[in-house]
Amino acid sequence: MTVNKLTTRDLAGAPAVTGERADLLEMLAKHRHFLRFTTRDLTDEQAGLRTTASELCLGGLIKHVTAVERNWVDFILNGPSAMGDFTAMTEADWARRADEFRLLPGETLTGVLADYAEVARRTDGLVATLPDLEATRPLPKAPWFEPGAQWSARRVLMHIIAETAQHAGHADIIRESLDGAKSMG
């Protein structure tokens, strides 16, 4: 399997960006690449294996980061209603969320990588065209957010970068445990 590297040059029709926006896009592209690179040459079965004490697998990490990025971009565009009220989630809601971390029957690594690439293109387009990175929205209700807190679009984008980088590190450990392959070194 070939892992495609999405860069800011892949933004067909998007305006050229410079400065902070270019920096944000470059960091997103870098950490997305490291995450996708951990899945190189794997079968669907390998992408679904848990290789550590964690519940995480490589295909599930790609799915999770895709969902996180999609949800946070929806938050930038539509506010907290796009994410829902985490304090009102049912056991079934939590079970669906847990499925984000697994490659489920019928899902393929190629499919989750394609979904991730589509979400990345959407995010990159937003970074390039969003009128104001300072625009803030109140955070959704969740036990992990301070009540009444607000985040700017910039802070959300930095959170997406941090989340992607953190999970790329998880993926590297999972891959190394699978077959000894490393992202770097």
Protein backbone atom coordinates (compact mmCIF):
# COMPACT_ATOMS: atom_id res chain seq x y z
CA MET A 1 0.00 0.00 0.00
CA THR A 2 1.27 3.46 -0.83
CA VAL A 3 0.73 6.20 1.71
CA ASN A 4 0.08 9.54 0.03
CA LYS A 5 1.53 12.64 1.60
CA LEU A 6 -0.97 15.49 1.60
CA THR A 7 0.67 18.88 1.58
CA THR A 8 -0.50 22.44 1.19
CA ARG A 9 0.26 22.11 -2.54
CA ASP A 10 -2.66 19.67 -2.77
CA LEU A 11 -5.19 22.44 -2.19
CA ALA A 12 -6.48 22.74 -5.75
CA GLY A 13 -8.29 26.03 -6.12
CA ALA A 14 -7.43 27.23 -2.61
CA PRO A 15 -5.69 30.58 -2.36
CA ALA A 16 -1.97 30.60 -1.67
CA VAL A 17 -1.31 31.06 2.02
CA THR A 18 1.58 32.62 3.85
CA GLY A 19 2.56 33.41 7.40
CA GLU A 20 0.66 31.81 10.24
CA ARG A 21 -1.78 29.96 7.99
CA ALA A 22 1.08 28.41 6.02
CA ASP A 23 2.72 27.40 9.32
CA LEU A 24 -0.50 25.76 10.54
CA LEU A 25 -0.92 23.88 7.26
CA GLU A 26 2.71 22.76 7.26
CA MET A 27 2.46 21.39 10.80
CA LEU A 28 -0.80 19.60 10.00
CA ALA A 29 0.73 18.07 6.87
CA LYS A 30 3.85 16.96 8.78
CA HIS A 31 1.99 15.19 11.57
CA ARG A 32 -0.61 13.70 9.22
CA HIS A 33 2.25 12.26 7.19
CA PHE A 34 3.82 10.65 10.25
CA LEU A 35 0.46 9.15 11.25
CA ARG A 36 -0.27 7.79 7.78
CA PHE A 37 3.32 6.58 7.36
CA THR A 38 2.88 4.15 10.25
CA THR A 39 0.39 2.22 8.10
CA ARG A 40 2.70 1.73 5.12
CA ASP A 41 2.65 -1.75 3.58
CA LEU A 42 0.09 -3.12 6.06
CA THR A 43 -2.86 -5.39 5.36
CA ASP A 44 -6.30 -4.62 6.71
CA GLU A 45 -5.82 -7.39 9.26
CA GLN A 46 -2.55 -5.88 10.50
CA ALA A 47 -4.10 -2.41 10.66
CA GLY A 48 -6.77 -3.80 12.98
CA LEU A 49 -4.44 -5.58 15.41
CA ARG A 50 -3.87 -4.45 18.98
CA THR A 51 -0.17 -4.85 19.61
CA THR A 52 0.11 -3.21 23.03
CA ALA A 53 -1.86 -3.26 26.28
CA SER A 54 -3.94 -0.43 24.82
CA GLU A 55 -7.21 -0.89 22.92
CA LEU A 56 -5.65 1.08 20.05
CA CYS A 57 -4.88 -0.22 16.58
CA LEU A 58 -3.47 1.64 13.59
CA GLY A 59 -6.68 1.65 11.55
CA GLY A 60 -8.63 2.80 14.59
CA LEU A 61 -6.20 5.64 15.26
CA ILE A 62 -6.64 6.89 11.70
CA LYS A 63 -10.43 6.69 12.15
CA HIS A 64 -10.27 8.52 15.47
CA VAL A 65 -8.05 11.34 14.22
CA THR A 66 -10.32 11.67 11.18
CA ALA A 67 -13.40 11.98 13.40
CA VAL A 68 -11.69 14.43 15.74
CA GLU A 69 -10.54 16.66 12.90
CA ARG A 70 -13.95 16.53 11.21
CA ASN A 71 -15.77 17.38 14.46
CA TRP A 72 -13.48 20.28 15.36
CA VAL A 73 -13.80 21.78 11.88
CA ASP A 74 -17.57 21.47 12.22
CA PHE A 75 -17.18 23.26 15.57
CA ILE A 76 -15.27 26.13 13.91
CA LEU A 77 -18.01 26.45 11.30
CA ASN A 78 -21.13 25.79 13.38
CA GLY A 79 -20.28 26.15 17.06
CA PRO A 80 -20.78 23.72 19.93
CA SER A 81 -23.99 22.22 18.55
CA ALA A 82 -21.85 20.50 15.91
CA MET A 83 -20.27 18.37 18.64
CA GLY A 84 -23.18 17.81 20.95
CA ASP A 85 -23.39 17.68 24.73
CA PHE A 86 -20.86 15.16 26.01
CA THR A 87 -22.43 15.28 29.49
CA ALA A 88 -25.63 13.79 28.03
CA MET A 89 -24.03 10.88 26.20
CA THR A 90 -25.57 7.45 26.74
CA GLU A 91 -23.78 4.11 26.97
CA ALA A 92 -24.68 3.54 23.31
CA ASP A 93 -23.10 6.91 22.41
CA TRP A 94 -19.91 5.98 24.27
CA ALA A 95 -19.87 2.57 22.54
CA ARG A 96 -20.12 4.27 19.13
CA ARG A 97 -17.29 6.56 20.15
CA ALA A 98 -15.19 3.56 21.23
CA ASP A 99 -15.70 2.09 17.75
CA GLU A 100 -13.72 5.06 16.39
CA PHE A 101 -10.63 3.37 17.83
CA ARG A 102 -11.14 0.04 16.05
CA LEU A 103 -11.07 -1.11 12.46
CA LEU A 104 -14.51 -2.72 12.29
CA PRO A 105 -15.59 -5.61 10.04
CA GLY A 106 -16.06 -4.32 6.51
CA GLU A 107 -13.74 -1.35 7.04
CA THR A 108 -10.46 -1.23 5.18
CA LEU A 109 -7.25 0.63 5.72
CA THR A 110 -7.57 2.07 2.23
CA GLY A 111 -11.05 3.32 3.09
CA VAL A 112 -10.10 4.98 6.37
CA LEU A 113 -7.05 6.60 4.75
CA ALA A 114 -9.24 7.94 1.93
CA ASP A 115 -11.70 9.37 4.47
CA TYR A 116 -8.79 10.96 6.34
CA ALA A 117 -7.47 12.53 3.12
CA GLU A 118 -10.89 14.01 2.38
CA VAL A 119 -11.20 15.46 5.88
CA ALA A 120 -7.65 16.85 5.57
CA ARG A 121 -8.52 18.58 2.28
CA ARG A 122 -11.58 20.15 3.90
CA THR A 123 -9.58 21.35 6.91
CA ASP A 124 -6.80 22.72 4.74
CA GLY A 125 -9.31 24.59 2.62
CA LEU A 126 -10.82 26.11 5.75
CA VAL A 127 -7.42 27.18 7.09
CA ALA A 128 -6.71 28.88 3.76
CA THR A 129 -10.04 30.70 3.54
CA LEU A 130 -11.36 31.28 7.06
CA PRO A 131 -11.90 35.02 7.42
CA ASP A 132 -10.74 35.28 11.03
CA LEU A 133 -8.58 32.89 13.07
CA GLU A 134 -9.52 34.92 16.17
CA ALA A 135 -13.24 34.06 15.86
CA THR A 136 -14.28 32.27 19.05
CA ARG A 137 -17.00 29.81 19.93
CA PRO A 138 -18.11 28.50 23.32
CA LEU A 139 -16.90 24.96 23.91
CA PRO A 140 -19.47 22.17 24.04
CA LYS A 141 -20.54 20.78 27.38
CA ALA A 142 -18.05 18.14 28.44
CA PRO A 143 -16.52 17.07 31.75
CA TRP A 144 -13.05 17.87 30.38
CA PHE A 145 -13.84 21.51 29.45
CA GLU A 146 -14.12 24.39 31.87
CA PRO A 147 -17.73 25.61 31.88
CA GLY A 148 -18.15 28.77 29.82
CA ALA A 149 -14.74 28.46 28.11
CA GLN A 150 -14.32 29.58 24.51
CA TRP A 151 -11.75 28.68 21.90
CA SER A 152 -10.68 30.62 18.86
CA ALA A 153 -10.41 28.95 15.47
CA ARG A 154 -6.63 29.24 15.90
CA ARG A 155 -6.73 27.34 19.18
CA VAL A 156 -8.93 24.65 17.66
CA LEU A 157 -6.45 24.23 14.80
CA MET A 158 -3.57 23.98 17.27
CA HIS A 159 -5.59 21.34 19.15
CA ILE A 160 -6.05 19.35 15.92
CA ILE A 161 -2.29 19.53 15.33
CA ALA A 162 -1.55 18.40 18.90
CA GLU A 163 -4.07 15.56 18.69
CA THR A 164 -2.61 14.39 15.38
CA ALA A 165 0.96 14.53 16.71
CA GLN A 166 0.04 12.68 19.90
CA HIS A 167 -1.68 9.90 18.00
CA ALA A 168 1.14 9.69 15.46
CA GLY A 169 3.37 8.84 18.43
CA HIS A 170 0.90 6.21 19.62
CA ALA A 171 0.81 4.80 16.09
CA ASP A 172 4.59 4.59 15.94
CA ILE A 173 4.66 2.48 19.13
CA ILE A 174 1.86 0.24 17.85
CA ARG A 175 3.64 -0.26 14.52
CA GLU A 176 6.98 -0.98 16.16
CA SER A 177 5.25 -3.55 18.37
CA LEU A 178 3.63 -5.10 15.29
CA ASP A 179 6.67 -5.72 13.13
CA GLY A 180 9.58 -3.58 14.31
CA ALA A 181 9.04 -0.85 11.68
CA LYS A 182 9.54 2.70 12.87
CA SER A 183 8.49 6.08 11.54
CA MET A 184 11.91 7.56 12.29
CA GLY A 185 15.24 6.19 13.42
